[in-house]
């Protein structure tokens, strides 16, 4: 994140913070760049996105926006529908 000059300040530590929801998807996305072999194994997992309710879809979209905009990773990850990609269903590596 330093290369992108992204700064994220956690507003509180005594209750859940929405920023933490981005940790798993971000780690999976970074695997695609830094450890493709492990990423391929993770990508075999089912994402069950066809069963998501509207609220869950909106929540995932907020995570996508946070990673792309707040963390300034839009140039690395673009939107795309990639079937069978656990937690990365809205991302593709550019």
PDB file of N, CA and C in Angstrom:
ATOM      1  N   UNK A   1       0.814  -1.182   0.000  1.00  0.00           N
ATOM      2  CA  UNK A   1       0.000   0.000   0.000  1.00  0.00           C
ATOM      3  C   UNK A   1       0.864   1.256   0.000  1.00  0.00           C
ATOM      4  N   UNK A   2       2.096   1.099   0.486  1.00  0.00           N
ATOM      5  CA  UNK A   2       2.978   2.255   0.514  1.00  0.00           C
ATOM      6  C   UNK A   2       3.257   2.777  -0.883  1.00  0.00           C
ATOM      7  N   UNK A   3       3.421   1.865  -1.846  1.00  0.00           N
ATOM      8  CA  UNK A   3       3.714   2.288  -3.217  1.00  0.00           C
ATOM      9  C   UNK A   3       2.576   3.125  -3.780  1.00  0.00           C
ATOM     10  N   UNK A   4       1.368   2.850  -3.347  1.00  0.00           N
ATOM     11  CA  UNK A   4       0.191   3.569  -3.850  1.00  0.00           C
ATOM     12  C   UNK A   4      -0.128   4.804  -3.014  1.00  0.00           C
ATOM     13  N   UNK A   5       0.636   5.001  -1.954  1.00  0.00           N
ATOM     14  CA  UNK A   5       0.409   6.107  -1.024  1.00  0.00           C
ATOM     15  C   UNK A   5      -1.007   6.080  -0.447  1.00  0.00           C
ATOM     16  N   UNK A   6      -1.466   4.881  -0.194  1.00  0.00           N
ATOM     17  CA  UNK A   6      -2.791   4.705   0.407  1.00  0.00           C
ATOM     18  C   UNK A   6      -2.643   4.704   1.918  1.00  0.00           C
ATOM     19  N   UNK A   7      -3.502   5.425   2.567  1.00  0.00           N
ATOM     20  CA  UNK A   7      -3.476   5.495   4.014  1.00  0.00           C
ATOM     21  C   UNK A   7      -4.866   5.177   4.538  1.00  0.00           C
ATOM     22  N   UNK A   8      -4.931   4.195   5.408  1.00  0.00           N
ATOM     23  CA  UNK A   8      -6.205   3.802   5.988  1.00  0.00           C
ATOM     24  C   UNK A   8      -6.072   3.898   7.494  1.00  0.00           C
ATOM     25  N   UNK A   9      -6.948   4.666   8.103  1.00  0.00           N
ATOM     26  CA  UNK A   9      -6.943   4.797   9.558  1.00  0.00           C
ATOM     27  C   UNK A   9      -8.164   4.084  10.117  1.00  0.00           C
ATOM     28  N   UNK A  10      -7.920   3.098  10.966  1.00  0.00           N
ATOM     29  CA  UNK A  10      -9.025   2.384  11.597  1.00  0.00           C
ATOM     30  C   UNK A  10      -9.627   3.322  12.636  1.00  0.00           C
ATOM     31  N   UNK A  11     -10.927   3.626  12.507  1.00  0.00           N
ATOM     32  CA  UNK A  11     -11.533   4.637  13.376  1.00  0.00           C
ATOM     33  C   UNK A  11     -11.725   4.189  14.825  1.00  0.00           C
ATOM     34  N   UNK A  12     -11.755   2.889  15.075  1.00  0.00           N
ATOM     35  CA  UNK A  12     -11.930   2.381  16.440  1.00  0.00           C
ATOM     36  C   UNK A  12     -11.396   0.963  16.516  1.00  0.00           C
ATOM     37  N   UNK A  13     -11.054   0.560  17.718  1.00  0.00           N
ATOM     38  CA  UNK A  13     -10.518  -0.781  17.928  1.00  0.00           C
ATOM     39  C   UNK A  13     -11.350  -1.597  18.906  1.00  0.00           C
ATOM     40  N   UNK A  14     -12.382  -0.997  19.479  1.00  0.00           N
ATOM     41  CA  UNK A  14     -13.177  -1.689  20.487  1.00  0.00           C
ATOM     42  C   UNK A  14     -14.444  -2.333  19.933  1.00  0.00           C
ATOM     43  N   UNK A  15     -14.646  -2.235  18.615  1.00  0.00           N
ATOM     44  CA  UNK A  15     -15.789  -2.887  17.980  1.00  0.00           C
ATOM     45  C   UNK A  15     -15.412  -3.224  16.540  1.00  0.00           C
ATOM     46  N   UNK A  16     -16.187  -4.077  15.883  1.00  0.00           N
ATOM     47  CA  UNK A  16     -15.851  -4.473  14.497  1.00  0.00           C
ATOM     48  C   UNK A  16     -15.759  -3.271  13.553  1.00  0.00           C
ATOM     49  N   UNK A  17     -14.836  -3.371  12.636  1.00  0.00           N
ATOM     50  CA  UNK A  17     -14.629  -2.310  11.642  1.00  0.00           C
ATOM     51  C   UNK A  17     -14.759  -2.934  10.252  1.00  0.00           C
ATOM     52  N   UNK A  18     -15.471  -2.280   9.363  1.00  0.00           N
ATOM     53  CA  UNK A  18     -15.713  -2.798   8.012  1.00  0.00           C
ATOM     54  C   UNK A  18     -14.412  -2.990   7.221  1.00  0.00           C
ATOM     55  N   UNK A  19     -13.365  -2.269   7.582  1.00  0.00           N
ATOM     56  CA  UNK A  19     -12.098  -2.409   6.863  1.00  0.00           C
ATOM     57  C   UNK A  19     -11.561  -3.829   6.957  1.00  0.00           C
ATOM     58  N   UNK A  20     -11.816  -4.495   8.073  1.00  0.00           N
ATOM     59  CA  UNK A  20     -11.304  -5.843   8.261  1.00  0.00           C
ATOM     60  C   UNK A  20     -11.934  -6.843   7.296  1.00  0.00           C
ATOM     61  N   UNK A  21     -13.101  -6.524   6.772  1.00  0.00           N
ATOM     62  CA  UNK A  21     -13.763  -7.409   5.811  1.00  0.00           C
ATOM     63  C   UNK A  21     -12.973  -7.537   4.510  1.00  0.00           C
ATOM     64  N   UNK A  22     -12.070  -6.621   4.265  1.00  0.00           N
ATOM     65  CA  UNK A  22     -11.294  -6.632   3.024  1.00  0.00           C
ATOM     66  C   UNK A  22     -10.017  -7.462   3.131  1.00  0.00           C
ATOM     67  N   UNK A  23      -9.673  -7.927   4.318  1.00  0.00           N
ATOM     68  CA  UNK A  23      -8.394  -8.618   4.494  1.00  0.00           C
ATOM     69  C   UNK A  23      -8.330  -9.917   3.700  1.00  0.00           C
ATOM     70  N   UNK A  24      -9.313 -10.785   3.831  1.00  0.00           N
ATOM     71  CA  UNK A  24      -9.274 -12.064   3.108  1.00  0.00           C
ATOM     72  C   UNK A  24      -9.296 -11.869   1.592  1.00  0.00           C
ATOM     73  N   UNK A  25     -10.233 -11.077   1.052  1.00  0.00           N
ATOM     74  CA  UNK A  25     -10.202 -10.884  -0.408  1.00  0.00           C
ATOM     75  C   UNK A  25      -8.891 -10.275  -0.895  1.00  0.00           C
ATOM     76  N   UNK A  26      -8.346  -9.343  -0.135  1.00  0.00           N
ATOM     77  CA  UNK A  26      -7.088  -8.720  -0.532  1.00  0.00           C
ATOM     78  C   UNK A  26      -5.950  -9.737  -0.526  1.00  0.00           C
ATOM     79  N   UNK A  27      -5.905 -10.579   0.476  1.00  0.00           N
ATOM     80  CA  UNK A  27      -4.859 -11.594   0.524  1.00  0.00           C
ATOM     81  C   UNK A  27      -4.972 -12.576  -0.639  1.00  0.00           C
ATOM     82  N   UNK A  28      -6.211 -12.942  -0.997  1.00  0.00           N
ATOM     83  CA  UNK A  28      -6.404 -13.845  -2.135  1.00  0.00           C
ATOM     84  C   UNK A  28      -5.975 -13.162  -3.430  1.00  0.00           C
ATOM     85  N   UNK A  29      -6.322 -11.903  -3.589  1.00  0.00           N
ATOM     86  CA  UNK A  29      -5.917 -11.169  -4.789  1.00  0.00           C
ATOM     87  C   UNK A  29      -4.397 -11.054  -4.883  1.00  0.00           C
ATOM     88  N   UNK A  30      -3.759 -10.807  -3.768  1.00  0.00           N
ATOM     89  CA  UNK A  30      -2.300 -10.697  -3.780  1.00  0.00           C
ATOM     90  C   UNK A  30      -1.636 -12.046  -4.065  1.00  0.00           C
ATOM     91  N   UNK A  31      -2.288 -13.134  -3.683  1.00  0.00           N
ATOM     92  CA  UNK A  31      -1.779 -14.460  -4.049  1.00  0.00           C
ATOM     93  C   UNK A  31      -1.695 -14.606  -5.559  1.00  0.00           C
ATOM     94  N   UNK A  32      -2.682 -14.077  -6.241  1.00  0.00           N
ATOM     95  CA  UNK A  32      -2.706 -14.200  -7.703  1.00  0.00           C
ATOM     96  C   UNK A  32      -1.451 -13.566  -8.310  1.00  0.00           C
ATOM     97  N   UNK A  33      -0.985 -12.496  -7.693  1.00  0.00           N
ATOM     98  CA  UNK A  33       0.197 -11.806  -8.197  1.00  0.00           C
ATOM     99  C   UNK A  33       1.499 -12.449  -7.715  1.00  0.00           C
ATOM    100  N   UNK A  34       1.519 -12.902  -6.454  1.00  0.00           N
ATOM    101  CA  UNK A  34       2.783 -13.318  -5.844  1.00  0.00           C
ATOM    102  C   UNK A  34       2.954 -14.825  -5.671  1.00  0.00           C
ATOM    103  N   UNK A  35       1.872 -15.578  -5.732  1.00  0.00           N
ATOM    104  CA  UNK A  35       1.975 -17.033  -5.589  1.00  0.00           C
ATOM    105  C   UNK A  35       0.868 -17.690  -6.429  1.00  0.00           C
ATOM    106  N   UNK A  36       1.001 -17.658  -7.742  1.00  0.00           N
ATOM    107  CA  UNK A  36      -0.048 -18.158  -8.637  1.00  0.00           C
ATOM    108  C   UNK A  36      -0.427 -19.616  -8.402  1.00  0.00           C
ATOM    109  N   UNK A  37       0.522 -20.426  -7.983  1.00  0.00           N
ATOM    110  CA  UNK A  37       0.222 -21.840  -7.753  1.00  0.00           C
ATOM    111  C   UNK A  37      -0.804 -21.993  -6.624  1.00  0.00           C
ATOM    112  N   UNK A  38      -0.604 -21.303  -5.532  1.00  0.00           N
ATOM    113  CA  UNK A  38      -1.555 -21.363  -4.412  1.00  0.00           C
ATOM    114  C   UNK A  38      -2.874 -20.707  -4.812  1.00  0.00           C
ATOM    115  N   UNK A  39      -2.801 -19.617  -5.579  1.00  0.00           N
ATOM    116  CA  UNK A  39      -4.026 -18.961  -6.031  1.00  0.00           C
ATOM    117  C   UNK A  39      -4.888 -19.917  -6.855  1.00  0.00           C
ATOM    118  N   UNK A  40      -4.263 -20.716  -7.716  1.00  0.00           N
ATOM    119  CA  UNK A  40      -5.022 -21.674  -8.521  1.00  0.00           C
ATOM    120  C   UNK A  40      -5.744 -22.689  -7.632  1.00  0.00           C
ATOM    121  N   UNK A  41      -5.101 -23.108  -6.551  1.00  0.00           N
ATOM    122  CA  UNK A  41      -5.752 -24.024  -5.615  1.00  0.00           C
ATOM    123  C   UNK A  41      -6.944 -23.360  -4.930  1.00  0.00           C
ATOM    124  N   UNK A  42      -6.775 -22.123  -4.502  1.00  0.00           N
ATOM    125  CA  UNK A  42      -7.861 -21.387  -3.856  1.00  0.00           C
ATOM    126  C   UNK A  42      -9.004 -21.163  -4.840  1.00  0.00           C
ATOM    127  N   UNK A  43      -8.680 -20.928  -6.086  1.00  0.00           N
ATOM    128  CA  UNK A  43      -9.708 -20.626  -7.086  1.00  0.00           C
ATOM    129  C   UNK A  43     -10.589 -21.832  -7.401  1.00  0.00           C
ATOM    130  N   UNK A  44     -10.184 -23.015  -6.955  1.00  0.00           N
ATOM    131  CA  UNK A  44     -11.015 -24.199  -7.155  1.00  0.00           C
ATOM    132  C   UNK A  44     -12.205 -24.239  -6.193  1.00  0.00           C
ATOM    133  N   UNK A  45     -12.150 -23.440  -5.150  1.00  0.00           N
ATOM    134  CA  UNK A  45     -13.238 -23.420  -4.170  1.00  0.00           C
ATOM    135  C   UNK A  45     -14.490 -22.792  -4.770  1.00  0.00           C
ATOM    136  N   UNK A  46     -15.629 -23.298  -4.376  1.00  0.00           N
ATOM    137  CA  UNK A  46     -16.908 -22.742  -4.838  1.00  0.00           C
ATOM    138  C   UNK A  46     -17.184 -21.439  -4.106  1.00  0.00           C
ATOM    139  N   UNK A  47     -17.720 -20.452  -4.797  1.00  0.00           N
ATOM    140  CA  UNK A  47     -18.033 -19.185  -4.136  1.00  0.00           C
ATOM    141  C   UNK A  47     -19.517 -19.037  -3.808  1.00  0.00           C
ATOM    142  N   UNK A  48     -20.370 -19.852  -4.372  1.00  0.00           N
ATOM    143  CA  UNK A  48     -21.815 -19.817  -4.108  1.00  0.00           C
ATOM    144  C   UNK A  48     -22.425 -18.437  -4.329  1.00  0.00           C
ATOM    145  N   UNK A  49     -21.873 -17.697  -5.275  1.00  0.00           N
ATOM    146  CA  UNK A  49     -22.376 -16.344  -5.497  1.00  0.00           C
ATOM    147  C   UNK A  49     -23.801 -16.321  -6.042  1.00  0.00           C
ATOM    148  N   UNK A  50     -24.240 -17.421  -6.645  1.00  0.00           N
ATOM    149  CA  UNK A  50     -25.611 -17.441  -7.169  1.00  0.00           C
ATOM    150  C   UNK A  50     -26.637 -17.464  -6.041  1.00  0.00           C
ATOM    151  N   UNK A  51     -26.213 -17.798  -4.821  1.00  0.00           N
ATOM    152  CA  UNK A  51     -27.122 -17.860  -3.687  1.00  0.00           C
ATOM    153  C   UNK A  51     -27.087 -16.599  -2.820  1.00  0.00           C
ATOM    154  N   UNK A  52     -26.366 -15.588  -3.220  1.00  0.00           N
ATOM    155  CA  UNK A  52     -26.233 -14.385  -2.408  1.00  0.00           C
ATOM    156  C   UNK A  52     -27.500 -13.541  -2.427  1.00  0.00           C
ATOM    157  N   UNK A  53     -27.838 -13.021  -1.260  1.00  0.00           N
ATOM    158  CA  UNK A  53     -28.945 -12.071  -1.171  1.00  0.00           C
ATOM    159  C   UNK A  53     -28.435 -10.704  -1.592  1.00  0.00           C
ATOM    160  N   UNK A  54     -29.356  -9.800  -1.838  1.00  0.00           N
ATOM    161  CA  UNK A  54     -29.002  -8.454  -2.295  1.00  0.00           C
ATOM    162  C   UNK A  54     -28.091  -7.737  -1.292  1.00  0.00           C
ATOM    163  N   UNK A  55     -28.355  -7.892  -0.004  1.00  0.00           N
ATOM    164  CA  UNK A  55     -27.531  -7.241   1.020  1.00  0.00           C
ATOM    165  C   UNK A  55     -26.087  -7.743   0.964  1.00  0.00           C
ATOM    166  N   UNK A  56     -25.908  -9.041   0.735  1.00  0.00           N
ATOM    167  CA  UNK A  56     -24.559  -9.600   0.636  1.00  0.00           C
ATOM    168  C   UNK A  56     -23.847  -9.091  -0.611  1.00  0.00           C
ATOM    169  N   UNK A  57     -24.585  -8.941  -1.702  1.00  0.00           N
ATOM    170  CA  UNK A  57     -23.979  -8.404  -2.932  1.00  0.00           C
ATOM    171  C   UNK A  57     -23.509  -6.967  -2.710  1.00  0.00           C
ATOM    172  N   UNK A  58     -24.318  -6.167  -2.011  1.00  0.00           N
ATOM    173  CA  UNK A  58     -23.933  -4.778  -1.722  1.00  0.00           C
ATOM    174  C   UNK A  58     -22.715  -4.730  -0.804  1.00  0.00           C
ATOM    175  N   UNK A  59     -22.691  -5.649   0.171  1.00  0.00           N
ATOM    176  CA  UNK A  59     -21.547  -5.703   1.086  1.00  0.00           C
ATOM    177  C   UNK A  59     -20.264  -6.036   0.313  1.00  0.00           C
ATOM    178  N   UNK A  60     -20.338  -7.009  -0.567  1.00  0.00           N
ATOM    179  CA  UNK A  60     -19.170  -7.362  -1.395  1.00  0.00           C
ATOM    180  C   UNK A  60     -18.752  -6.188  -2.272  1.00  0.00           C
ATOM    181  N   UNK A  61     -19.716  -5.461  -2.803  1.00  0.00           N
ATOM    182  CA  UNK A  61     -19.384  -4.310  -3.641  1.00  0.00           C
ATOM    183  C   UNK A  61     -18.656  -3.240  -2.831  1.00  0.00           C
ATOM    184  N   UNK A  62     -19.053  -3.045  -1.573  1.00  0.00           N
ATOM    185  CA  UNK A  62     -18.352  -2.079  -0.714  1.00  0.00           C
ATOM    186  C   UNK A  62     -16.909  -2.518  -0.478  1.00  0.00           C
ATOM    187  N   UNK A  63     -16.692  -3.820  -0.329  1.00  0.00           N
ATOM    188  CA  UNK A  63     -15.329  -4.331  -0.153  1.00  0.00           C
ATOM    189  C   UNK A  63     -14.509  -4.089  -1.416  1.00  0.00           C
ATOM    190  N   UNK A  64     -15.102  -4.362  -2.564  1.00  0.00           N
ATOM    191  CA  UNK A  64     -14.426  -4.132  -3.847  1.00  0.00           C
ATOM    192  C   UNK A  64     -14.046  -2.665  -3.986  1.00  0.00           C
ATOM    193  N   UNK A  65     -14.984  -1.779  -3.694  1.00  0.00           N
ATOM    194  CA  UNK A  65     -14.711  -0.341  -3.802  1.00  0.00           C
ATOM    195  C   UNK A  65     -13.611   0.092  -2.832  1.00  0.00           C
ATOM    196  N   UNK A  66     -13.629  -0.460  -1.636  1.00  0.00           N
ATOM    197  CA  UNK A  66     -12.597  -0.129  -0.650  1.00  0.00           C
ATOM    198  C   UNK A  66     -11.222  -0.539  -1.165  1.00  0.00           C
ATOM    199  N   UNK A  67     -11.108  -1.751  -1.673  1.00  0.00           N
ATOM    200  CA  UNK A  67      -9.815  -2.238  -2.167  1.00  0.00           C
ATOM    201  C   UNK A  67      -9.362  -1.438  -3.386  1.00  0.00           C
ATOM    202  N   UNK A  68     -10.257  -1.178  -4.306  1.00  0.00           N
ATOM    203  CA  UNK A  68      -9.860  -0.488  -5.534  1.00  0.00           C
ATOM    204  C   UNK A  68      -9.630   1.004  -5.319  1.00  0.00           C
ATOM    205  N   UNK A  69     -10.492   1.646  -4.512  1.00  0.00           N
ATOM    206  CA  UNK A  69     -10.413   3.106  -4.370  1.00  0.00           C
ATOM    207  C   UNK A  69      -9.595   3.539  -3.157  1.00  0.00           C
ATOM    208  N   UNK A  70      -9.982   3.090  -1.962  1.00  0.00           N
ATOM    209  CA  UNK A  70      -9.300   3.533  -0.748  1.00  0.00           C
ATOM    210  C   UNK A  70      -7.863   3.026  -0.685  1.00  0.00           C
ATOM    211  N   UNK A  71      -7.648   1.789  -1.093  1.00  0.00           N
ATOM    212  CA  UNK A  71      -6.295   1.242  -1.092  1.00  0.00           C
ATOM    213  C   UNK A  71      -5.552   1.548  -2.385  1.00  0.00           C
ATOM    214  N   UNK A  72      -6.228   2.192  -3.304  1.00  0.00           N
ATOM    215  CA  UNK A  72      -5.650   2.626  -4.587  1.00  0.00           C
ATOM    216  C   UNK A  72      -5.071   1.472  -5.396  1.00  0.00           C
ATOM    217  N   UNK A  73      -5.812   0.376  -5.465  1.00  0.00           N
ATOM    218  CA  UNK A  73      -5.361  -0.783  -6.226  1.00  0.00           C
ATOM    219  C   UNK A  73      -6.159  -0.983  -7.508  1.00  0.00           C
ATOM    220  N   UNK A  74      -6.882   0.020  -7.934  1.00  0.00           N
ATOM    221  CA  UNK A  74      -7.697  -0.093  -9.150  1.00  0.00           C
ATOM    222  C   UNK A  74      -6.844  -0.397 -10.372  1.00  0.00           C
ATOM    223  N   UNK A  75      -5.621   0.104 -10.405  1.00  0.00           N
ATOM    224  CA  UNK A  75      -4.777  -0.149 -11.578  1.00  0.00           C
ATOM    225  C   UNK A  75      -4.285  -1.593 -11.618  1.00  0.00           C
ATOM    226  N   UNK A  76      -4.350  -2.294 -10.487  1.00  0.00           N
ATOM    227  CA  UNK A  76      -3.913  -3.688 -10.439  1.00  0.00           C
ATOM    228  C   UNK A  76      -5.054  -4.678 -10.599  1.00  0.00           C
ATOM    229  N   UNK A  77      -6.242  -4.292 -10.141  1.00  0.00           N
ATOM    230  CA  UNK A  77      -7.392  -5.182 -10.165  1.00  0.00           C
ATOM    231  C   UNK A  77      -8.559  -4.483 -10.836  1.00  0.00           C
ATOM    232  N   UNK A  78      -9.091  -5.115 -11.874  1.00  0.00           N
ATOM    233  CA  UNK A  78     -10.225  -4.529 -12.584  1.00  0.00           C
ATOM    234  C   UNK A  78     -11.478  -5.344 -12.295  1.00  0.00           C
ATOM    235  N   UNK A  79     -12.632  -4.759 -12.588  1.00  0.00           N
ATOM    236  CA  UNK A  79     -13.890  -5.478 -12.420  1.00  0.00           C
ATOM    237  C   UNK A  79     -13.991  -6.576 -13.461  1.00  0.00           C
ATOM    238  N   UNK A  80     -14.634  -7.663 -13.109  1.00  0.00           N
ATOM    239  CA  UNK A  80     -14.839  -8.749 -14.052  1.00  0.00           C
ATOM    240  C   UNK A  80     -15.577  -9.889 -13.387  1.00  0.00           C
ATOM    241  N   UNK A  81     -16.326 -10.605 -14.122  1.00  0.00           N
ATOM    242  CA  UNK A  81     -17.039 -11.759 -13.599  1.00  0.00           C
ATOM    243  C   UNK A  81     -16.210 -13.001 -13.870  1.00  0.00           C
ATOM    244  N   UNK A  82     -15.551 -13.516 -12.846  1.00  0.00           N
ATOM    245  CA  UNK A  82     -14.732 -14.709 -12.979  1.00  0.00           C
ATOM    246  C   UNK A  82     -15.377 -15.843 -12.200  1.00  0.00           C
ATOM    247  N   UNK A  83     -16.018 -16.773 -12.869  1.00  0.00           N
ATOM    248  CA  UNK A  83     -16.673 -17.860 -12.154  1.00  0.00           C
ATOM    249  C   UNK A  83     -15.680 -18.697 -11.357  1.00  0.00           C
ATOM    250  N   UNK A  84     -16.146 -19.250 -10.244  1.00  0.00           N
ATOM    251  CA  UNK A  84     -15.359 -20.140  -9.387  1.00  0.00           C
ATOM    252  C   UNK A  84     -14.143 -19.455  -8.779  1.00  0.00           C
ATOM    253  N   UNK A  85     -14.202 -18.175  -8.524  1.00  0.00           N
ATOM    254  CA  UNK A  85     -13.096 -17.476  -7.875  1.00  0.00           C
ATOM    255  C   UNK A  85     -13.549 -17.063  -6.482  1.00  0.00           C
ATOM    256  N   UNK A  86     -13.062 -17.766  -5.466  1.00  0.00           N
ATOM    257  CA  UNK A  86     -13.466 -17.503  -4.090  1.00  0.00           C
ATOM    258  C   UNK A  86     -13.116 -16.075  -3.691  1.00  0.00           C
ATOM    259  N   UNK A  87     -14.112 -15.293  -3.286  1.00  0.00           N
ATOM    260  CA  UNK A  87     -13.973 -13.934  -2.776  1.00  0.00           C
ATOM    261  C   UNK A  87     -13.384 -12.954  -3.790  1.00  0.00           C
ATOM    262  N   UNK A  88     -13.116 -13.375  -5.011  1.00  0.00           N
ATOM    263  CA  UNK A  88     -12.529 -12.455  -5.984  1.00  0.00           C
ATOM    264  C   UNK A  88     -13.438 -12.322  -7.193  1.00  0.00           C
ATOM    265  N   UNK A  89     -14.713 -12.585  -7.018  1.00  0.00           N
ATOM    266  CA  UNK A  89     -15.607 -12.683  -8.162  1.00  0.00           C
ATOM    267  C   UNK A  89     -15.770 -11.374  -8.905  1.00  0.00           C
ATOM    268  N   UNK A  90     -15.391 -10.252  -8.318  1.00  0.00           N
ATOM    269  CA  UNK A  90     -15.505  -8.982  -9.014  1.00  0.00           C
ATOM    270  C   UNK A  90     -14.156  -8.445  -9.499  1.00  0.00           C
ATOM    271  N   UNK A  91     -13.128  -9.233  -9.327  1.00  0.00           N
ATOM    272  CA  UNK A  91     -11.784  -8.749  -9.674  1.00  0.00           C
ATOM    273  C   UNK A  91     -11.149  -9.589 -10.758  1.00  0.00           C
ATOM    274  N   UNK A  92     -10.290  -8.953 -11.505  1.00  0.00           N
ATOM    275  CA  UNK A  92      -9.371  -9.643 -12.395  1.00  0.00           C
ATOM    276  C   UNK A  92      -8.076  -8.853 -12.349  1.00  0.00           C
ATOM    277  N   UNK A  93      -6.962  -9.558 -12.456  1.00  0.00           N
ATOM    278  CA  UNK A  93      -5.669  -8.876 -12.525  1.00  0.00           C
ATOM    279  C   UNK A  93      -5.552  -8.218 -13.879  1.00  0.00           C
ATOM    280  N   UNK A  94      -5.106  -6.990 -13.901  1.00  0.00           N
ATOM    281  CA  UNK A  94      -4.907  -6.295 -15.187  1.00  0.00           C
ATOM    282  C   UNK A  94      -3.647  -6.777 -15.847  1.00  0.00           C
TER     283      UNK A  94
END
